[in-house]
Amino acid sequence: MNDQSASNTSPNKSWLERISQAFSDQPESLKDIIEILREAEQRQVLDADALSIIEGAMQVTHMQVREVMIPRTQMITVKATLEPEEFLPEIIESAHSRFPVVGESPDEIIGILLAKDLLPLALKGELKKGTVSELLRPASIVPESKRLNQLLKEFKQTRNHMAIVVDEYGCISGLVTIEDVLEQIVGEIEDEHDFDDEAMIKTLGNGEYNVKALTPIGEFNDFFGTTIPDSEFDTIGGVALKHFGRLPNRNDQTKFYGFRATVLNADNRSIRLLKIEKLPES
């Protein structure tokens, strides 16, 4: 009984010792560590989810804010000069929880407005333009070049969930949230604003659609009445990846089979969500 128990645990112990040794000997590269961890996963010392999180955490140390930020063109901001009834509809429709507030200039960030601070006053009918400035939280400003691991540490220390991103000239280039950083480690975080798991394609209007990269090509063809071949790829994400010729970044675009595809959600490992637009026939 004891001999059998020792026999069953010795392989795991051996691989755990190798992992420990790899770290204690200061391996020459990140690649060396990842190779050992992947071999451990293949031998079921480490499960696949744990390995994915470890790899994500390691890669975050080499990534910069510019790689995951929400670009300026997609930011939803509140203008301090507007009356509440002018900006409330957009806040409600977006369903976000935090909004940068800008002054006279689009590059003048005067604070962050939290929906949870705003809505109680709105419900009581006590919300006025003057009261908005009293609700603002300080805005955290970070450069595009900041490392994600450093940003995550700052988020933890300050308890902020959002930072405004500026370029080398001090102009606003986007924003980044703690969720954007964590998704690089653990994968996409679904929330109540994502469309449900059963739906692969969501109609936005004006010939635009949100399409999950995992949408089977057959389902895509049925929806759009197209005949995209499925001999090489199983999903529409695979088709898009082929036309990009590389792993694209968020907001990168490509065209295929009469569509324009814009990457809405991606990390350093995969495409997750595309915006698909029908192109006019030439």
C-alpha atoms as a PDB file:
ATOM      1  CA  MET A   1       0.000   0.000   0.000  1.00  0.00           C
ATOM      2  CA  ASN A   2       2.740   2.441   0.964  1.00  0.00           C
ATOM      3  CA  ASP A   3       4.920   1.365  -1.970  1.00  0.00           C
ATOM      4  CA  GLN A   4       2.054   1.935  -4.426  1.00  0.00           C
ATOM      5  CA  SER A   5       1.315   5.391  -2.994  1.00  0.00           C
ATOM      6  CA  ALA A   6       4.942   6.359  -3.328  1.00  0.00           C
ATOM      7  CA  SER A   7       5.005   5.087  -6.898  1.00  0.00           C
ATOM      8  CA  ASN A   8       1.925   7.129  -7.851  1.00  0.00           C
ATOM      9  CA  THR A   9       3.245  10.383  -6.417  1.00  0.00           C
ATOM     10  CA  SER A  10       6.892  10.197  -7.460  1.00  0.00           C
ATOM     11  CA  PRO A  11       6.357  11.461 -11.066  1.00  0.00           C
ATOM     12  CA  ASN A  12       4.469  14.502  -9.786  1.00  0.00           C
ATOM     13  CA  LYS A  13       7.095  15.121  -7.177  1.00  0.00           C
ATOM     14  CA  SER A  14       9.790  14.911  -9.828  1.00  0.00           C
ATOM     15  CA  TRP A  15       8.116  17.547 -12.001  1.00  0.00           C
ATOM     16  CA  LEU A  16       7.398  19.810  -9.059  1.00  0.00           C
ATOM     17  CA  GLU A  17      11.053  19.578  -8.116  1.00  0.00           C
ATOM     18  CA  ARG A  18      12.034  20.507 -11.685  1.00  0.00           C
ATOM     19  CA  ILE A  19       9.745  23.528 -11.626  1.00  0.00           C
ATOM     20  CA  SER A  20      11.198  24.583  -8.283  1.00  0.00           C
ATOM     21  CA  GLN A  21      14.715  24.067  -9.576  1.00  0.00           C
ATOM     22  CA  ALA A  22      13.970  26.104 -12.705  1.00  0.00           C
ATOM     23  CA  PHE A  23      13.029  29.109 -10.611  1.00  0.00           C
ATOM     24  CA  SER A  24      15.857  28.730  -8.092  1.00  0.00           C
ATOM     25  CA  ASP A  25      18.468  28.514 -10.863  1.00  0.00           C
ATOM     26  CA  GLN A  26      17.261  31.762 -12.457  1.00  0.00           C
ATOM     27  CA  PRO A  27      16.479  30.428 -15.966  1.00  0.00           C
ATOM     28  CA  GLU A  28      17.802  32.491 -18.817  1.00  0.00           C
ATOM     29  CA  SER A  29      14.466  33.310 -20.407  1.00  0.00           C
ATOM     30  CA  LEU A  30      10.721  33.364 -19.880  1.00  0.00           C
ATOM     31  CA  LYS A  31      10.483  30.772 -22.634  1.00  0.00           C
ATOM     32  CA  ASP A  32      12.487  28.298 -20.493  1.00  0.00           C
ATOM     33  CA  ILE A  33      10.001  28.596 -17.636  1.00  0.00           C
ATOM     34  CA  ILE A  34       6.938  28.313 -19.890  1.00  0.00           C
ATOM     35  CA  GLU A  35       8.303  25.180 -21.575  1.00  0.00           C
ATOM     36  CA  ILE A  36       8.727  23.468 -18.198  1.00  0.00           C
ATOM     37  CA  LEU A  37       5.235  24.524 -17.095  1.00  0.00           C
ATOM     38  CA  ARG A  38       3.683  23.285 -20.353  1.00  0.00           C
ATOM     39  CA  GLU A  39       5.427  19.956 -19.956  1.00  0.00           C
ATOM     40  CA  ALA A  40       4.080  19.767 -16.424  1.00  0.00           C
ATOM     41  CA  GLU A  41       0.586  20.458 -17.742  1.00  0.00           C
ATOM     42  CA  GLN A  42       0.929  17.655 -20.277  1.00  0.00           C
ATOM     43  CA  ARG A  43       1.788  15.304 -17.410  1.00  0.00           C
ATOM     44  CA  GLN A  44      -1.258  16.603 -15.476  1.00  0.00           C
ATOM     45  CA  VAL A  45       0.828  18.123 -12.694  1.00  0.00           C
ATOM     46  CA  LEU A  46      -0.758  21.447 -13.636  1.00  0.00           C
ATOM     47  CA  ASP A  47      -4.240  21.828 -15.077  1.00  0.00           C
ATOM     48  CA  ALA A  48      -4.834  23.765 -18.292  1.00  0.00           C
ATOM     49  CA  ASP A  49      -6.656  26.673 -16.620  1.00  0.00           C
ATOM     50  CA  ALA A  50      -3.855  27.203 -14.111  1.00  0.00           C
ATOM     51  CA  LEU A  51      -1.267  27.120 -16.887  1.00  0.00           C
ATOM     52  CA  SER A  52      -3.232  29.673 -18.910  1.00  0.00           C
ATOM     53  CA  ILE A  53      -3.399  32.052 -15.928  1.00  0.00           C
ATOM     54  CA  ILE A  54       0.327  31.669 -15.225  1.00  0.00           C
ATOM     55  CA  GLU A  55       1.193  32.345 -18.868  1.00  0.00           C
ATOM     56  CA  GLY A  56      -1.122  35.354 -18.918  1.00  0.00           C
ATOM     57  CA  ALA A  57       0.449  36.772 -15.752  1.00  0.00           C
ATOM     58  CA  MET A  58       3.925  36.355 -17.224  1.00  0.00           C
ATOM     59  CA  GLN A  59       2.981  38.021 -20.499  1.00  0.00           C
ATOM     60  CA  VAL A  60       1.372  40.980 -18.722  1.00  0.00           C
ATOM     61  CA  THR A  61       4.795  42.028 -17.427  1.00  0.00           C
ATOM     62  CA  HIS A  62       5.877  42.677 -21.024  1.00  0.00           C
ATOM     63  CA  MET A  63       2.690  44.382 -22.242  1.00  0.00           C
ATOM     64  CA  GLN A  64       2.009  48.116 -22.321  1.00  0.00           C
ATOM     65  CA  VAL A  65      -1.208  50.044 -21.733  1.00  0.00           C
ATOM     66  CA  ARG A  66      -1.461  50.988 -25.445  1.00  0.00           C
ATOM     67  CA  GLU A  67      -1.986  47.301 -26.288  1.00  0.00           C
ATOM     68  CA  VAL A  68      -5.228  46.925 -24.288  1.00  0.00           C
ATOM     69  CA  MET A  69      -6.659  50.424 -23.893  1.00  0.00           C
ATOM     70  CA  ILE A  70     -10.039  51.515 -25.226  1.00  0.00           C
ATOM     71  CA  PRO A  71      -9.173  54.097 -27.915  1.00  0.00           C
ATOM     72  CA  ARG A  72     -10.341  57.663 -27.648  1.00  0.00           C
ATOM     73  CA  THR A  73     -12.808  57.247 -30.509  1.00  0.00           C
ATOM     74  CA  GLN A  74     -14.707  54.622 -28.481  1.00  0.00           C
ATOM     75  CA  MET A  75     -14.684  56.485 -25.156  1.00  0.00           C
ATOM     76  CA  ILE A  76     -18.004  57.633 -23.741  1.00  0.00           C
ATOM     77  CA  THR A  77     -17.431  60.902 -21.910  1.00  0.00           C
ATOM     78  CA  VAL A  78     -19.606  63.408 -20.102  1.00  0.00           C
ATOM     79  CA  LYS A  79     -19.208  67.101 -20.920  1.00  0.00           C
ATOM     80  CA  ALA A  80     -19.294  69.198 -17.777  1.00  0.00           C
ATOM     81  CA  THR A  81     -20.929  72.034 -19.715  1.00  0.00           C
ATOM     82  CA  LEU A  82     -24.033  69.973 -20.561  1.00  0.00           C
ATOM     83  CA  GLU A  83     -27.247  69.791 -18.589  1.00  0.00           C
ATOM     84  CA  PRO A  84     -27.911  66.360 -17.010  1.00  0.00           C
ATOM     85  CA  GLU A  85     -30.867  65.656 -19.299  1.00  0.00           C
ATOM     86  CA  GLU A  86     -28.490  66.016 -22.262  1.00  0.00           C
ATOM     87  CA  PHE A  87     -25.994  63.329 -21.169  1.00  0.00           C
ATOM     88  CA  LEU A  88     -28.170  60.977 -19.094  1.00  0.00           C
ATOM     89  CA  PRO A  89     -29.640  59.066 -22.081  1.00  0.00           C
ATOM     90  CA  GLU A  90     -26.167  58.094 -23.333  1.00  0.00           C
ATOM     91  CA  ILE A  91     -25.070  57.038 -19.838  1.00  0.00           C
ATOM     92  CA  ILE A  92     -28.130  54.844 -19.416  1.00  0.00           C
ATOM     93  CA  GLU A  93     -27.778  53.304 -22.877  1.00  0.00           C
ATOM     94  CA  SER A  94     -24.077  52.481 -22.445  1.00  0.00           C
ATOM     95  CA  ALA A  95     -24.694  50.786 -19.068  1.00  0.00           C
ATOM     96  CA  HIS A  96     -21.116  51.544 -18.005  1.00  0.00           C
ATOM     97  CA  SER A  97     -20.337  52.309 -14.380  1.00  0.00           C
ATOM     98  CA  ARG A  98     -17.648  54.996 -14.816  1.00  0.00           C
ATOM     99  CA  PHE A  99     -17.376  57.975 -17.174  1.00  0.00           C
ATOM    100  CA  PRO A 100     -14.572  60.478 -17.769  1.00  0.00           C
ATOM    101  CA  VAL A 101     -15.821  64.063 -17.464  1.00  0.00           C
ATOM    102  CA  VAL A 102     -14.284  66.636 -19.798  1.00  0.00           C
ATOM    103  CA  GLY A 103     -14.250  70.419 -19.626  1.00  0.00           C
ATOM    104  CA  GLU A 104     -14.136  72.967 -22.425  1.00  0.00           C
ATOM    105  CA  SER A 105     -11.456  71.008 -24.275  1.00  0.00           C
ATOM    106  CA  PRO A 106     -11.749  67.266 -25.068  1.00  0.00           C
ATOM    107  CA  ASP A 107      -8.259  66.885 -23.568  1.00  0.00           C
ATOM    108  CA  GLU A 108      -9.298  68.510 -20.285  1.00  0.00           C
ATOM    109  CA  ILE A 109     -10.263  65.650 -17.975  1.00  0.00           C
ATOM    110  CA  ILE A 110     -11.660  67.107 -14.789  1.00  0.00           C
ATOM    111  CA  GLY A 111     -12.657  63.868 -13.066  1.00  0.00           C
ATOM    112  CA  ILE A 112     -14.428  60.527 -13.176  1.00  0.00           C
ATOM    113  CA  LEU A 113     -18.185  60.253 -12.682  1.00  0.00           C
ATOM    114  CA  LEU A 114     -19.578  57.072 -11.131  1.00  0.00           C
ATOM    115  CA  ALA A 115     -23.067  56.055 -12.156  1.00  0.00           C
ATOM    116  CA  LYS A 116     -23.804  54.918  -8.595  1.00  0.00           C
ATOM    117  CA  ASP A 117     -23.206  58.506  -7.391  1.00  0.00           C
ATOM    118  CA  LEU A 118     -25.273  60.044 -10.170  1.00  0.00           C
ATOM    119  CA  LEU A 119     -28.398  57.921 -10.375  1.00  0.00           C
ATOM    120  CA  PRO A 120     -29.745  58.382  -6.808  1.00  0.00           C
ATOM    121  CA  LEU A 121     -29.876  62.145  -7.363  1.00  0.00           C
ATOM    122  CA  ALA A 122     -31.473  61.641 -10.764  1.00  0.00           C
ATOM    123  CA  LEU A 123     -34.194  59.469  -9.252  1.00  0.00           C
ATOM    124  CA  LYS A 124     -34.923  62.128  -6.618  1.00  0.00           C
ATOM    125  CA  GLY A 125     -35.033  64.899  -9.233  1.00  0.00           C
ATOM    126  CA  GLU A 126     -32.159  66.667  -7.482  1.00  0.00           C
ATOM    127  CA  LEU A 127     -29.612  66.368 -10.288  1.00  0.00           C
ATOM    128  CA  LYS A 128     -28.441  69.680 -11.691  1.00  0.00           C
ATOM    129  CA  LYS A 129     -25.414  70.753 -13.714  1.00  0.00           C
ATOM    130  CA  GLY A 130     -23.796  72.281 -10.654  1.00  0.00           C
ATOM    131  CA  THR A 131     -24.108  69.116  -8.596  1.00  0.00           C
ATOM    132  CA  VAL A 132     -22.211  66.964 -11.119  1.00  0.00           C
ATOM    133  CA  SER A 133     -18.877  68.616 -10.295  1.00  0.00           C
ATOM    134  CA  GLU A 134     -19.421  67.786  -6.622  1.00  0.00           C
ATOM    135  CA  LEU A 135     -19.729  64.076  -7.457  1.00  0.00           C
ATOM    136  CA  LEU A 136     -16.484  63.745  -9.401  1.00  0.00           C
ATOM    137  CA  ARG A 137     -13.692  61.428  -8.317  1.00  0.00           C
ATOM    138  CA  PRO A 138     -10.050  62.252  -9.173  1.00  0.00           C
ATOM    139  CA  ALA A 139      -8.885  60.913 -12.536  1.00  0.00           C
ATOM    140  CA  SER A 140      -5.779  58.750 -12.725  1.00  0.00           C
ATOM    141  CA  ILE A 141      -3.560  59.622 -15.712  1.00  0.00           C
ATOM    142  CA  VAL A 142      -1.122  57.067 -17.155  1.00  0.00           C
ATOM    143  CA  PRO A 143       1.135  57.041 -20.247  1.00  0.00           C
ATOM    144  CA  GLU A 144       0.597  54.638 -23.137  1.00  0.00           C
ATOM    145  CA  SER A 145       3.967  53.055 -22.413  1.00  0.00           C
ATOM    146  CA  LYS A 146       3.163  52.022 -18.846  1.00  0.00           C
ATOM    147  CA  ARG A 147       3.574  48.301 -18.156  1.00  0.00           C
ATOM    148  CA  LEU A 148       0.369  46.440 -17.317  1.00  0.00           C
ATOM    149  CA  ASN A 149       1.830  44.808 -14.203  1.00  0.00           C
ATOM    150  CA  GLN A 150       2.738  48.269 -12.863  1.00  0.00           C
ATOM    151  CA  LEU A 151      -0.739  49.581 -13.684  1.00  0.00           C
ATOM    152  CA  LEU A 152      -2.396  46.650 -11.926  1.00  0.00           C
ATOM    153  CA  LYS A 153      -0.294  47.344  -8.837  1.00  0.00           C
ATOM    154  CA  GLU A 154      -1.408  50.989  -8.912  1.00  0.00           C
ATOM    155  CA  PHE A 155      -5.052  49.986  -9.303  1.00  0.00           C
ATOM    156  CA  LYS A 156      -4.722  47.802  -6.194  1.00  0.00           C
ATOM    157  CA  GLN A 157      -3.001  50.525  -4.170  1.00  0.00           C
ATOM    158  CA  THR A 158      -5.344  53.376  -5.131  1.00  0.00           C
ATOM    159  CA  ARG A 159      -8.507  51.250  -5.494  1.00  0.00           C
ATOM    160  CA  ASN A 160      -9.151  52.927  -8.825  1.00  0.00           C
ATOM    161  CA  HIS A 161     -10.819  50.909 -11.574  1.00  0.00           C
ATOM    162  CA  MET A 162     -10.142  53.264 -14.485  1.00  0.00           C
ATOM    163  CA  ALA A 163      -7.258  55.371 -15.774  1.00  0.00           C
ATOM    164  CA  ILE A 164      -7.058  57.932 -18.581  1.00  0.00           C
ATOM    165  CA  VAL A 165      -4.300  57.179 -21.085  1.00  0.00           C
ATOM    166  CA  VAL A 166      -2.224  59.968 -22.643  1.00  0.00           C
ATOM    167  CA  ASP A 167       0.304  59.936 -25.457  1.00  0.00           C
ATOM    168  CA  GLU A 168       3.814  61.401 -25.415  1.00  0.00           C
ATOM    169  CA  TYR A 169       2.396  64.897 -26.034  1.00  0.00           C
ATOM    170  CA  GLY A 170      -0.024  64.711 -23.127  1.00  0.00           C
ATOM    171  CA  CYS A 171      -3.107  64.325 -25.322  1.00  0.00           C
ATOM    172  CA  ILE A 172      -5.764  61.775 -24.429  1.00  0.00           C
ATOM    173  CA  SER A 173      -5.410  58.594 -26.480  1.00  0.00           C
ATOM    174  CA  GLY A 174      -7.860  56.357 -24.608  1.00  0.00           C
ATOM    175  CA  LEU A 175      -8.764  54.822 -21.293  1.00  0.00           C
ATOM    176  CA  VAL A 176      -7.992  51.554 -19.555  1.00  0.00           C
ATOM    177  CA  THR A 177      -9.884  49.700 -16.831  1.00  0.00           C
ATOM    178  CA  ILE A 178      -8.836  47.067 -14.340  1.00  0.00           C
ATOM    179  CA  GLU A 179     -10.987  44.601 -16.288  1.00  0.00           C
ATOM    180  CA  ASP A 180      -8.906  45.229 -19.426  1.00  0.00           C
ATOM    181  CA  VAL A 181      -5.792  44.215 -17.489  1.00  0.00           C
ATOM    182  CA  LEU A 182      -7.296  41.189 -15.755  1.00  0.00           C
ATOM    183  CA  GLU A 183      -8.642  39.844 -19.058  1.00  0.00           C
ATOM    184  CA  GLN A 184      -5.061  39.519 -20.268  1.00  0.00           C
ATOM    185  CA  ILE A 185      -4.421  37.144 -17.359  1.00  0.00           C
ATOM    186  CA  VAL A 186      -7.615  35.133 -16.968  1.00  0.00           C
ATOM    187  CA  GLY A 187      -9.262  35.603 -20.372  1.00  0.00           C
ATOM    188  CA  GLU A 188     -12.431  37.465 -21.236  1.00  0.00           C
ATOM    189  CA  ILE A 189     -14.605  38.462 -18.293  1.00  0.00           C
ATOM    190  CA  GLU A 190     -18.270  38.235 -19.191  1.00  0.00           C
ATOM    191  CA  ASP A 191     -20.620  40.717 -17.559  1.00  0.00           C
ATOM    192  CA  GLU A 192     -24.282  41.602 -17.631  1.00  0.00           C
ATOM    193  CA  HIS A 193     -23.767  43.780 -20.708  1.00  0.00           C
ATOM    194  CA  ASP A 194     -22.381  41.031 -22.964  1.00  0.00           C
ATOM    195  CA  PHE A 195     -24.953  39.411 -25.213  1.00  0.00           C
ATOM    196  CA  ASP A 196     -25.971  35.962 -24.063  1.00  0.00           C
ATOM    197  CA  ASP A 197     -23.858  32.851 -24.584  1.00  0.00           C
ATOM    198  CA  GLU A 198     -26.376  31.295 -26.963  1.00  0.00           C
ATOM    199  CA  ALA A 199     -26.273  34.181 -29.439  1.00  0.00           C
ATOM    200  CA  MET A 200     -23.274  34.201 -31.757  1.00  0.00           C
ATOM    201  CA  ILE A 201     -24.413  37.170 -33.887  1.00  0.00           C
ATOM    202  CA  LYS A 202     -25.997  40.389 -32.645  1.00  0.00           C
ATOM    203  CA  THR A 203     -27.596  42.889 -35.029  1.00  0.00           C
ATOM    204  CA  LEU A 204     -26.573  46.492 -34.329  1.00  0.00           C
ATOM    205  CA  GLY A 205     -28.345  48.185 -37.242  1.00  0.00           C
ATOM    206  CA  ASN A 206     -27.079  50.140 -40.252  1.00  0.00           C
ATOM    207  CA  GLY A 207     -25.589  46.970 -41.712  1.00  0.00           C
ATOM    208  CA  GLU A 208     -23.374  46.323 -38.677  1.00  0.00           C
ATOM    209  CA  TYR A 209     -23.213  43.200 -36.496  1.00  0.00           C
ATOM    210  CA  ASN A 210     -21.261  41.984 -33.489  1.00  0.00           C
ATOM    211  CA  VAL A 211     -20.050  38.467 -34.237  1.00  0.00           C
ATOM    212  CA  LYS A 212     -18.252  36.167 -31.818  1.00  0.00           C
ATOM    213  CA  ALA A 213     -15.042  34.811 -33.297  1.00  0.00           C
ATOM    214  CA  LEU A 214     -16.146  31.285 -32.373  1.00  0.00           C
ATOM    215  CA  THR A 215     -19.192  31.529 -34.664  1.00  0.00           C
ATOM    216  CA  PRO A 216     -19.164  28.424 -36.924  1.00  0.00           C
ATOM    217  CA  ILE A 217     -18.787  29.320 -40.591  1.00  0.00           C
ATOM    218  CA  GLY A 218     -21.972  27.394 -41.395  1.00  0.00           C
ATOM    219  CA  GLU A 219     -23.958  29.508 -38.929  1.00  0.00           C
ATOM    220  CA  PHE A 220     -22.409  32.681 -40.364  1.00  0.00           C
ATOM    221  CA  ASN A 221     -23.345  31.600 -43.899  1.00  0.00           C
ATOM    222  CA  ASP A 222     -26.902  30.804 -42.853  1.00  0.00           C
ATOM    223  CA  PHE A 223     -27.318  34.195 -41.199  1.00  0.00           C
ATOM    224  CA  PHE A 224     -25.826  36.308 -43.993  1.00  0.00           C
ATOM    225  CA  GLY A 225     -26.725  34.123 -46.975  1.00  0.00           C
ATOM    226  CA  THR A 226     -23.061  33.717 -47.929  1.00  0.00           C
ATOM    227  CA  THR A 227     -21.010  30.746 -49.117  1.00  0.00           C
ATOM    228  CA  ILE A 228     -17.735  31.152 -47.227  1.00  0.00           C
ATOM    229  CA  PRO A 229     -15.919  27.798 -47.522  1.00  0.00           C
ATOM    230  CA  ASP A 230     -15.381  25.832 -44.319  1.00  0.00           C
ATOM    231  CA  SER A 231     -12.782  23.398 -45.660  1.00  0.00           C
ATOM    232  CA  GLU A 232      -9.852  25.251 -44.068  1.00  0.00           C
ATOM    233  CA  PHE A 233     -11.397  26.841 -40.961  1.00  0.00           C
ATOM    234  CA  ASP A 234     -14.303  25.991 -38.671  1.00  0.00           C
ATOM    235  CA  THR A 235     -15.004  29.480 -37.299  1.00  0.00           C
ATOM    236  CA  ILE A 236     -15.314  32.997 -38.645  1.00  0.00           C
ATOM    237  CA  GLY A 237     -12.448  33.993 -36.349  1.00  0.00           C
ATOM    238  CA  GLY A 238     -10.202  31.603 -38.273  1.00  0.00           C
ATOM    239  CA  VAL A 239     -11.216  33.214 -41.568  1.00  0.00           C
ATOM    240  CA  ALA A 240     -10.482  36.688 -40.176  1.00  0.00           C
ATOM    241  CA  LEU A 241      -7.143  35.550 -38.773  1.00  0.00           C
ATOM    242  CA  LYS A 242      -6.089  34.226 -42.180  1.00  0.00           C
ATOM    243  CA  HIS A 243      -6.820  37.563 -43.826  1.00  0.00           C
ATOM    244  CA  PHE A 244      -5.006  39.510 -41.120  1.00  0.00           C
ATOM    245  CA  GLY A 245      -1.991  37.249 -41.572  1.00  0.00           C
ATOM    246  CA  ARG A 246      -1.108  37.757 -37.904  1.00  0.00           C
ATOM    247  CA  LEU A 247      -2.749  38.002 -34.491  1.00  0.00           C
ATOM    248  CA  PRO A 248      -4.431  41.425 -34.717  1.00  0.00           C
ATOM    249  CA  ASN A 249      -4.861  44.077 -32.062  1.00  0.00           C
ATOM    250  CA  ARG A 250      -8.100  45.671 -30.978  1.00  0.00           C
ATOM    251  CA  ASN A 251      -9.563  47.984 -33.699  1.00  0.00           C
ATOM    252  CA  ASP A 252      -7.503  46.417 -36.490  1.00  0.00           C
ATOM    253  CA  GLN A 253      -9.527  45.881 -39.681  1.00  0.00           C
ATOM    254  CA  THR A 254      -9.512  43.479 -42.604  1.00  0.00           C
ATOM    255  CA  LYS A 255     -11.856  42.607 -45.471  1.00  0.00           C
ATOM    256  CA  PHE A 256     -13.103  39.238 -46.685  1.00  0.00           C
ATOM    257  CA  TYR A 257     -15.972  37.906 -48.819  1.00  0.00           C
ATOM    258  CA  GLY A 258     -17.737  41.280 -49.047  1.00  0.00           C
ATOM    259  CA  PHE A 259     -17.415  42.175 -45.352  1.00  0.00           C
ATOM    260  CA  ARG A 260     -15.257  44.518 -43.305  1.00  0.00           C
ATOM    261  CA  ALA A 261     -14.207  42.999 -39.965  1.00  0.00           C
ATOM    262  CA  THR A 262     -13.066  45.161 -37.051  1.00  0.00           C
ATOM    263  CA  VAL A 263     -11.556  43.531 -33.961  1.00  0.00           C
ATOM    264  CA  LEU A 264     -13.550  44.615 -30.892  1.00  0.00           C
ATOM    265  CA  ASN A 265     -12.070  42.235 -28.362  1.00  0.00           C
ATOM    266  CA  ALA A 266      -8.757  40.396 -28.533  1.00  0.00           C
ATOM    267  CA  ASP A 267      -5.769  39.637 -26.401  1.00  0.00           C
ATOM    268  CA  ASN A 268      -2.277  38.366 -27.090  1.00  0.00           C
ATOM    269  CA  ARG A 269      -3.655  34.854 -27.573  1.00  0.00           C
ATOM    270  CA  SER A 270      -6.860  35.056 -29.576  1.00  0.00           C
ATOM    271  CA  ILE A 271      -9.590  37.099 -31.291  1.00  0.00           C
ATOM    272  CA  ARG A 272     -12.843  37.094 -29.327  1.00  0.00           C
ATOM    273  CA  LEU A 273     -15.297  39.532 -30.882  1.00  0.00           C
ATOM    274  CA  LEU A 274     -15.616  41.149 -34.321  1.00  0.00           C
ATOM    275  CA  LYS A 275     -17.752  43.927 -35.709  1.00  0.00           C
ATOM    276  CA  ILE A 276     -18.890  42.843 -39.156  1.00  0.00           C
ATOM    277  CA  GLU A 277     -20.069  45.353 -41.780  1.00  0.00           C
ATOM    278  CA  LYS A 278     -21.523  44.503 -45.157  1.00  0.00           C
ATOM    279  CA  LEU A 279     -19.604  46.297 -47.874  1.00  0.00           C
ATOM    280  CA  PRO A 280     -21.519  47.831 -50.800  1.00  0.00           C
ATOM    281  CA  GLU A 281     -21.380  45.755 -53.938  1.00  0.00           C
ATOM    282  CA  SER A 282     -18.981  47.163 -56.510  1.00  0.00           C
END
